Amino acid sequence: MARTRVYRNGVLEAENFPVAKVSDYLADPATVVWFDFCEPSAADLESIREELGLHELAVEDALEVHERPKLD
């Protein structure tokens, strides 16, 4: 289960909203959005990736903690 919070000008404005609303809050530059997951599932990570517009390889690289640095 995700815990989400949004702060506007340093004041807590909302919490425990769906991850799908993160981008709505980020449209305002005065906001800071926080969300955390404990042991996220693949579906949780996919929802974060989609909502924040992250490249799928960036998420994959973040999960591969045992991957050695490489040069292509």
PDB file of N, CA and C in Angstrom:
ATOM      1  N   MET A   1       0.841  -1.179   0.000  1.00  0.00           N
ATOM      2  CA  MET A   1       0.000   0.000   0.000  1.00  0.00           C
ATOM      3  C   MET A   1       0.886   1.242   0.000  1.00  0.00           C
ATOM      4  N   ALA A   2       0.536   2.185  -0.821  1.00  0.00           N
ATOM      5  CA  ALA A   2       1.322   3.410  -0.954  1.00  0.00           C
ATOM      6  C   ALA A   2       0.848   4.453   0.051  1.00  0.00           C
ATOM      7  N   ARG A   3       1.791   5.224   0.505  1.00  0.00           N
ATOM      8  CA  ARG A   3       1.461   6.387   1.329  1.00  0.00           C
ATOM      9  C   ARG A   3       1.832   7.608   0.508  1.00  0.00           C
ATOM     10  N   THR A   4       0.885   8.481   0.301  1.00  0.00           N
ATOM     11  CA  THR A   4       1.123   9.671  -0.508  1.00  0.00           C
ATOM     12  C   THR A   4       0.802  10.910   0.316  1.00  0.00           C
ATOM     13  N   ARG A   5       1.556  11.972   0.020  1.00  0.00           N
ATOM     14  CA  ARG A   5       1.320  13.267   0.664  1.00  0.00           C
ATOM     15  C   ARG A   5       1.683  14.364  -0.326  1.00  0.00           C
ATOM     16  N   VAL A   6       0.989  15.471  -0.222  1.00  0.00           N
ATOM     17  CA  VAL A   6       1.346  16.643  -1.018  1.00  0.00           C
ATOM     18  C   VAL A   6       1.435  17.843  -0.080  1.00  0.00           C
ATOM     19  N   TYR A   7       2.519  18.588  -0.257  1.00  0.00           N
ATOM     20  CA  TYR A   7       2.751  19.810   0.511  1.00  0.00           C
ATOM     21  C   TYR A   7       2.723  20.982  -0.449  1.00  0.00           C
ATOM     22  N   ARG A   8       2.023  22.038  -0.057  1.00  0.00           N
ATOM     23  CA  ARG A   8       2.003  23.266  -0.849  1.00  0.00           C
ATOM     24  C   ARG A   8       2.550  24.376   0.043  1.00  0.00           C
ATOM     25  N   ASN A   9       3.645  24.977  -0.432  1.00  0.00           N
ATOM     26  CA  ASN A   9       4.321  26.010   0.350  1.00  0.00           C
ATOM     27  C   ASN A   9       4.666  25.523   1.756  1.00  0.00           C
ATOM     28  N   GLY A  10       5.077  24.260   1.856  1.00  0.00           N
ATOM     29  CA  GLY A  10       5.515  23.691   3.122  1.00  0.00           C
ATOM     30  C   GLY A  10       4.418  23.218   4.053  1.00  0.00           C
ATOM     31  N   VAL A  11       3.164  23.305   3.630  1.00  0.00           N
ATOM     32  CA  VAL A  11       2.038  22.915   4.469  1.00  0.00           C
ATOM     33  C   VAL A  11       1.375  21.673   3.869  1.00  0.00           C
ATOM     34  N   LEU A  12       1.139  20.666   4.703  1.00  0.00           N
ATOM     35  CA  LEU A  12       0.469  19.450   4.240  1.00  0.00           C
ATOM     36  C   LEU A  12      -0.922  19.797   3.737  1.00  0.00           C
ATOM     37  N   GLU A  13      -1.187  19.447   2.480  1.00  0.00           N
ATOM     38  CA  GLU A  13      -2.475  19.770   1.875  1.00  0.00           C
ATOM     39  C   GLU A  13      -3.364  18.546   1.719  1.00  0.00           C
ATOM     40  N   ALA A  14      -2.776  17.405   1.370  1.00  0.00           N
ATOM     41  CA  ALA A  14      -3.560  16.188   1.166  1.00  0.00           C
ATOM     42  C   ALA A  14      -2.667  14.991   1.422  1.00  0.00           C
ATOM     43  N   GLU A  15      -3.301  13.872   1.777  1.00  0.00           N
ATOM     44  CA  GLU A  15      -2.541  12.647   1.951  1.00  0.00           C
ATOM     45  C   GLU A  15      -3.405  11.444   1.612  1.00  0.00           C
ATOM     46  N   ASN A  16      -2.715  10.341   1.354  1.00  0.00           N
ATOM     47  CA  ASN A  16      -3.346   9.064   1.014  1.00  0.00           C
ATOM     48  C   ASN A  16      -4.247   9.137  -0.218  1.00  0.00           C
ATOM     49  N   PHE A  17      -3.810   9.904  -1.205  1.00  0.00           N
ATOM     50  CA  PHE A  17      -4.527   9.979  -2.478  1.00  0.00           C
ATOM     51  C   PHE A  17      -3.906   8.957  -3.435  1.00  0.00           C
ATOM     52  N   PRO A  18      -4.603   8.580  -4.508  1.00  0.00           N
ATOM     53  CA  PRO A  18      -4.064   7.598  -5.455  1.00  0.00           C
ATOM     54  C   PRO A  18      -2.828   8.123  -6.186  1.00  0.00           C
ATOM     55  N   VAL A  19      -1.913   7.230  -6.499  1.00  0.00           N
ATOM     56  CA  VAL A  19      -0.702   7.595  -7.238  1.00  0.00           C
ATOM     57  C   VAL A  19      -1.061   8.251  -8.566  1.00  0.00           C
ATOM     58  N   ALA A  20      -2.191   7.893  -9.135  1.00  0.00           N
ATOM     59  CA  ALA A  20      -2.621   8.460 -10.415  1.00  0.00           C
ATOM     60  C   ALA A  20      -2.856   9.969 -10.351  1.00  0.00           C
ATOM     61  N   LYS A  21      -2.953  10.542  -9.153  1.00  0.00           N
ATOM     62  CA  LYS A  21      -3.160  11.987  -9.022  1.00  0.00           C
ATOM     63  C   LYS A  21      -1.860  12.761  -8.831  1.00  0.00           C
ATOM     64  N   VAL A  22      -0.729  12.065  -8.733  1.00  0.00           N
ATOM     65  CA  VAL A  22       0.554  12.725  -8.492  1.00  0.00           C
ATOM     66  C   VAL A  22       0.839  13.794  -9.539  1.00  0.00           C
ATOM     67  N   SER A  23       0.664  13.479 -10.805  1.00  0.00           N
ATOM     68  CA  SER A  23       0.974  14.445 -11.863  1.00  0.00           C
ATOM     69  C   SER A  23       0.063  15.666 -11.800  1.00  0.00           C
ATOM     70  N   ASP A  24      -1.159  15.514 -11.304  1.00  0.00           N
ATOM     71  CA  ASP A  24      -2.056  16.660 -11.149  1.00  0.00           C
ATOM     72  C   ASP A  24      -1.468  17.662 -10.152  1.00  0.00           C
ATOM     73  N   TYR A  25      -0.956  17.158  -9.051  1.00  0.00           N
ATOM     74  CA  TYR A  25      -0.357  18.031  -8.040  1.00  0.00           C
ATOM     75  C   TYR A  25       0.956  18.636  -8.534  1.00  0.00           C
ATOM     76  N   LEU A  26       1.727  17.866  -9.286  1.00  0.00           N
ATOM     77  CA  LEU A  26       3.022  18.362  -9.747  1.00  0.00           C
ATOM     78  C   LEU A  26       2.911  19.463 -10.787  1.00  0.00           C
ATOM     79  N   ALA A  27       1.728  19.686 -11.317  1.00  0.00           N
ATOM     80  CA  ALA A  27       1.525  20.773 -12.275  1.00  0.00           C
ATOM     81  C   ALA A  27       1.753  22.138 -11.614  1.00  0.00           C
ATOM     82  N   ASP A  28       1.608  22.196 -10.298  1.00  0.00           N
ATOM     83  CA  ASP A  28       1.820  23.442  -9.550  1.00  0.00           C
ATOM     84  C   ASP A  28       3.243  23.449  -8.996  1.00  0.00           C
ATOM     85  N   PRO A  29       4.088  24.404  -9.391  1.00  0.00           N
ATOM     86  CA  PRO A  29       5.477  24.418  -8.925  1.00  0.00           C
ATOM     87  C   PRO A  29       5.631  24.681  -7.426  1.00  0.00           C
ATOM     88  N   ALA A  30       4.568  25.093  -6.754  1.00  0.00           N
ATOM     89  CA  ALA A  30       4.640  25.349  -5.314  1.00  0.00           C
ATOM     90  C   ALA A  30       4.422  24.083  -4.485  1.00  0.00           C
ATOM     91  N   THR A  31       4.260  22.944  -5.152  1.00  0.00           N
ATOM     92  CA  THR A  31       3.975  21.708  -4.422  1.00  0.00           C
ATOM     93  C   THR A  31       5.167  20.762  -4.423  1.00  0.00           C
ATOM     94  N   VAL A  32       5.197  19.967  -3.382  1.00  0.00           N
ATOM     95  CA  VAL A  32       6.133  18.849  -3.265  1.00  0.00           C
ATOM     96  C   VAL A  32       5.273  17.621  -2.989  1.00  0.00           C
ATOM     97  N   VAL A  33       5.457  16.586  -3.783  1.00  0.00           N
ATOM     98  CA  VAL A  33       4.684  15.365  -3.617  1.00  0.00           C
ATOM     99  C   VAL A  33       5.600  14.279  -3.082  1.00  0.00           C
ATOM    100  N   TRP A  34       5.113  13.579  -2.082  1.00  0.00           N
ATOM    101  CA  TRP A  34       5.854  12.479  -1.488  1.00  0.00           C
ATOM    102  C   TRP A  34       4.998  11.225  -1.582  1.00  0.00           C
ATOM    103  N   PHE A  35       5.601  10.142  -2.021  1.00  0.00           N
ATOM    104  CA  PHE A  35       4.918   8.862  -1.923  1.00  0.00           C
ATOM    105  C   PHE A  35       5.953   7.789  -1.687  1.00  0.00           C
ATOM    106  N   ASP A  36       5.570   6.824  -0.871  1.00  0.00           N
ATOM    107  CA  ASP A  36       6.485   5.721  -0.609  1.00  0.00           C
ATOM    108  C   ASP A  36       5.722   4.400  -0.617  1.00  0.00           C
ATOM    109  N   PHE A  37       6.455   3.378  -0.927  1.00  0.00           N
ATOM    110  CA  PHE A  37       5.914   2.032  -0.992  1.00  0.00           C
ATOM    111  C   PHE A  37       6.797   1.126  -0.147  1.00  0.00           C
ATOM    112  N   CYS A  38       6.206   0.215   0.559  1.00  0.00           N
ATOM    113  CA  CYS A  38       6.960  -0.839   1.236  1.00  0.00           C
ATOM    114  C   CYS A  38       6.778  -2.102   0.420  1.00  0.00           C
ATOM    115  N   GLU A  39       7.874  -2.611  -0.093  1.00  0.00           N
ATOM    116  CA  GLU A  39       7.864  -3.810  -0.928  1.00  0.00           C
ATOM    117  C   GLU A  39       6.879  -3.679  -2.095  1.00  0.00           C
ATOM    118  N   PRO A  40       7.130  -2.735  -3.002  1.00  0.00           N
ATOM    119  CA  PRO A  40       6.203  -2.518  -4.118  1.00  0.00           C
ATOM    120  C   PRO A  40       6.147  -3.698  -5.076  1.00  0.00           C
ATOM    121  N   SER A  41       4.977  -3.923  -5.611  1.00  0.00           N
ATOM    122  CA  SER A  41       4.787  -4.969  -6.616  1.00  0.00           C
ATOM    123  C   SER A  41       5.183  -4.420  -7.987  1.00  0.00           C
ATOM    124  N   ALA A  42       5.219  -5.286  -8.960  1.00  0.00           N
ATOM    125  CA  ALA A  42       5.511  -4.857 -10.333  1.00  0.00           C
ATOM    126  C   ALA A  42       4.448  -3.866 -10.815  1.00  0.00           C
ATOM    127  N   ALA A  43       3.198  -4.083 -10.428  1.00  0.00           N
ATOM    128  CA  ALA A  43       2.116  -3.174 -10.813  1.00  0.00           C
ATOM    129  C   ALA A  43       2.298  -1.799 -10.161  1.00  0.00           C
ATOM    130  N   ASP A  44       2.753  -1.781  -8.907  1.00  0.00           N
ATOM    131  CA  ASP A  44       3.025  -0.502  -8.232  1.00  0.00           C
ATOM    132  C   ASP A  44       4.108   0.271  -8.972  1.00  0.00           C
ATOM    133  N   LEU A  45       5.182  -0.405  -9.323  1.00  0.00           N
ATOM    134  CA  LEU A  45       6.286   0.246 -10.022  1.00  0.00           C
ATOM    135  C   LEU A  45       5.862   0.736 -11.399  1.00  0.00           C
ATOM    136  N   GLU A  46       5.016  -0.021 -12.057  1.00  0.00           N
ATOM    137  CA  GLU A  46       4.521   0.396 -13.369  1.00  0.00           C
ATOM    138  C   GLU A  46       3.657   1.653 -13.244  1.00  0.00           C
ATOM    139  N   SER A  47       2.839   1.724 -12.192  1.00  0.00           N
ATOM    140  CA  SER A  47       1.996   2.913 -12.015  1.00  0.00           C
ATOM    141  C   SER A  47       2.853   4.150 -11.741  1.00  0.00           C
ATOM    142  N   ILE A  48       3.928   3.990 -10.979  1.00  0.00           N
ATOM    143  CA  ILE A  48       4.847   5.104 -10.724  1.00  0.00           C
ATOM    144  C   ILE A  48       5.523   5.524 -12.019  1.00  0.00           C
ATOM    145  N   ARG A  49       5.995   4.545 -12.776  1.00  0.00           N
ATOM    146  CA  ARG A  49       6.687   4.823 -14.033  1.00  0.00           C
ATOM    147  C   ARG A  49       5.781   5.606 -14.981  1.00  0.00           C
ATOM    148  N   GLU A  50       4.553   5.150 -15.114  1.00  0.00           N
ATOM    149  CA  GLU A  50       3.611   5.829 -16.014  1.00  0.00           C
ATOM    150  C   GLU A  50       3.283   7.236 -15.522  1.00  0.00           C
ATOM    151  N   GLU A  51       3.023   7.368 -14.250  1.00  0.00           N
ATOM    152  CA  GLU A  51       2.599   8.665 -13.704  1.00  0.00           C
ATOM    153  C   GLU A  51       3.703   9.708 -13.796  1.00  0.00           C
ATOM    154  N   LEU A  52       4.951   9.300 -13.584  1.00  0.00           N
ATOM    155  CA  LEU A  52       6.055  10.252 -13.623  1.00  0.00           C
ATOM    156  C   LEU A  52       6.743  10.319 -14.978  1.00  0.00           C
ATOM    157  N   GLY A  53       6.322   9.481 -15.915  1.00  0.00           N
ATOM    158  CA  GLY A  53       6.905   9.502 -17.251  1.00  0.00           C
ATOM    159  C   GLY A  53       8.341   9.000 -17.283  1.00  0.00           C
ATOM    160  N   LEU A  54       8.659   8.050 -16.424  1.00  0.00           N
ATOM    161  CA  LEU A  54      10.011   7.502 -16.378  1.00  0.00           C
ATOM    162  C   LEU A  54      10.210   6.476 -17.487  1.00  0.00           C
ATOM    163  N   HIS A  55      11.412   6.408 -18.002  1.00  0.00           N
ATOM    164  CA  HIS A  55      11.737   5.409 -19.011  1.00  0.00           C
ATOM    165  C   HIS A  55      11.794   4.044 -18.334  1.00  0.00           C
ATOM    166  N   GLU A  56      11.291   3.030 -19.002  1.00  0.00           N
ATOM    167  CA  GLU A  56      11.236   1.694 -18.396  1.00  0.00           C
ATOM    168  C   GLU A  56      12.616   1.167 -18.022  1.00  0.00           C
ATOM    169  N   LEU A  57      13.655   1.536 -18.768  1.00  0.00           N
ATOM    170  CA  LEU A  57      14.995   1.071 -18.418  1.00  0.00           C
ATOM    171  C   LEU A  57      15.529   1.759 -17.162  1.00  0.00           C
ATOM    172  N   ALA A  58      15.086   2.965 -16.897  1.00  0.00           N
ATOM    173  CA  ALA A  58      15.496   3.648 -15.669  1.00  0.00           C
ATOM    174  C   ALA A  58      14.957   2.906 -14.452  1.00  0.00           C
ATOM    175  N   VAL A  59      13.721   2.466 -14.545  1.00  0.00           N
ATOM    176  CA  VAL A  59      13.125   1.708 -13.440  1.00  0.00           C
ATOM    177  C   VAL A  59      13.810   0.355 -13.316  1.00  0.00           C
ATOM    178  N   GLU A  60      14.048  -0.288 -14.429  1.00  0.00           N
ATOM    179  CA  GLU A  60      14.716  -1.591 -14.416  1.00  0.00           C
ATOM    180  C   GLU A  60      16.110  -1.475 -13.796  1.00  0.00           C
ATOM    181  N   ASP A  61      16.856  -0.451 -14.176  1.00  0.00           N
ATOM    182  CA  ASP A  61      18.204  -0.266 -13.624  1.00  0.00           C
ATOM    183  C   ASP A  61      18.162   0.015 -12.125  1.00  0.00           C
ATOM    184  N   ALA A  62      17.155   0.711 -11.667  1.00  0.00           N
ATOM    185  CA  ALA A  62      17.033   0.993 -10.236  1.00  0.00           C
ATOM    186  C   ALA A  62      16.758  -0.277  -9.443  1.00  0.00           C
ATOM    187  N   LEU A  63      16.105  -1.230 -10.065  1.00  0.00           N
ATOM    188  CA  LEU A  63      15.764  -2.476  -9.371  1.00  0.00           C
ATOM    189  C   LEU A  63      16.898  -3.485  -9.384  1.00  0.00           C
ATOM    190  N   GLU A  64      17.770  -3.410 -10.350  1.00  0.00           N
ATOM    191  CA  GLU A  64      18.865  -4.363 -10.481  1.00  0.00           C
ATOM    192  C   GLU A  64      20.033  -3.918  -9.603  1.00  0.00           C
ATOM    193  N   VAL A  65      19.945  -4.213  -8.321  1.00  0.00           N
ATOM    194  CA  VAL A  65      20.967  -3.745  -7.386  1.00  0.00           C
ATOM    195  C   VAL A  65      22.291  -4.479  -7.550  1.00  0.00           C
ATOM    196  N   HIS A  66      22.283  -5.624  -8.183  1.00  0.00           N
ATOM    197  CA  HIS A  66      23.514  -6.402  -8.321  1.00  0.00           C
ATOM    198  C   HIS A  66      24.154  -6.247  -9.702  1.00  0.00           C
ATOM    199  N   GLU A  67      23.625  -5.346 -10.489  1.00  0.00           N
ATOM    200  CA  GLU A  67      24.167  -5.150 -11.832  1.00  0.00           C
ATOM    201  C   GLU A  67      25.452  -4.348 -11.754  1.00  0.00           C
ATOM    202  N   ARG A  68      26.458  -4.816 -12.435  1.00  0.00           N
ATOM    203  CA  ARG A  68      27.749  -4.119 -12.446  1.00  0.00           C
ATOM    204  C   ARG A  68      27.717  -2.990 -13.472  1.00  0.00           C
ATOM    205  N   PRO A  69      28.488  -1.939 -13.237  1.00  0.00           N
ATOM    206  CA  PRO A  69      28.575  -0.855 -14.226  1.00  0.00           C
ATOM    207  C   PRO A  69      29.082  -1.393 -15.549  1.00  0.00           C
ATOM    208  N   LYS A  70      28.627  -0.816 -16.641  1.00  0.00           N
ATOM    209  CA  LYS A  70      29.044  -1.312 -17.955  1.00  0.00           C
ATOM    210  C   LYS A  70      29.230  -0.135 -18.905  1.00  0.00           C
ATOM    211  N   LEU A  71      29.962  -0.413 -19.947  1.00  0.00           N
ATOM    212  CA  LEU A  71      30.183   0.567 -20.995  1.00  0.00           C
ATOM    213  C   LEU A  71      29.750  -0.055 -22.300  1.00  0.00           C
ATOM    214  N   ASP A  72      28.851   0.588 -22.986  1.00  0.00           N
ATOM    215  CA  ASP A  72      28.373   0.078 -24.274  1.00  0.00           C
ATOM    216  C   ASP A  72      29.055   0.830 -25.394  1.00  0.00           C
TER     217      ASP A  72
END
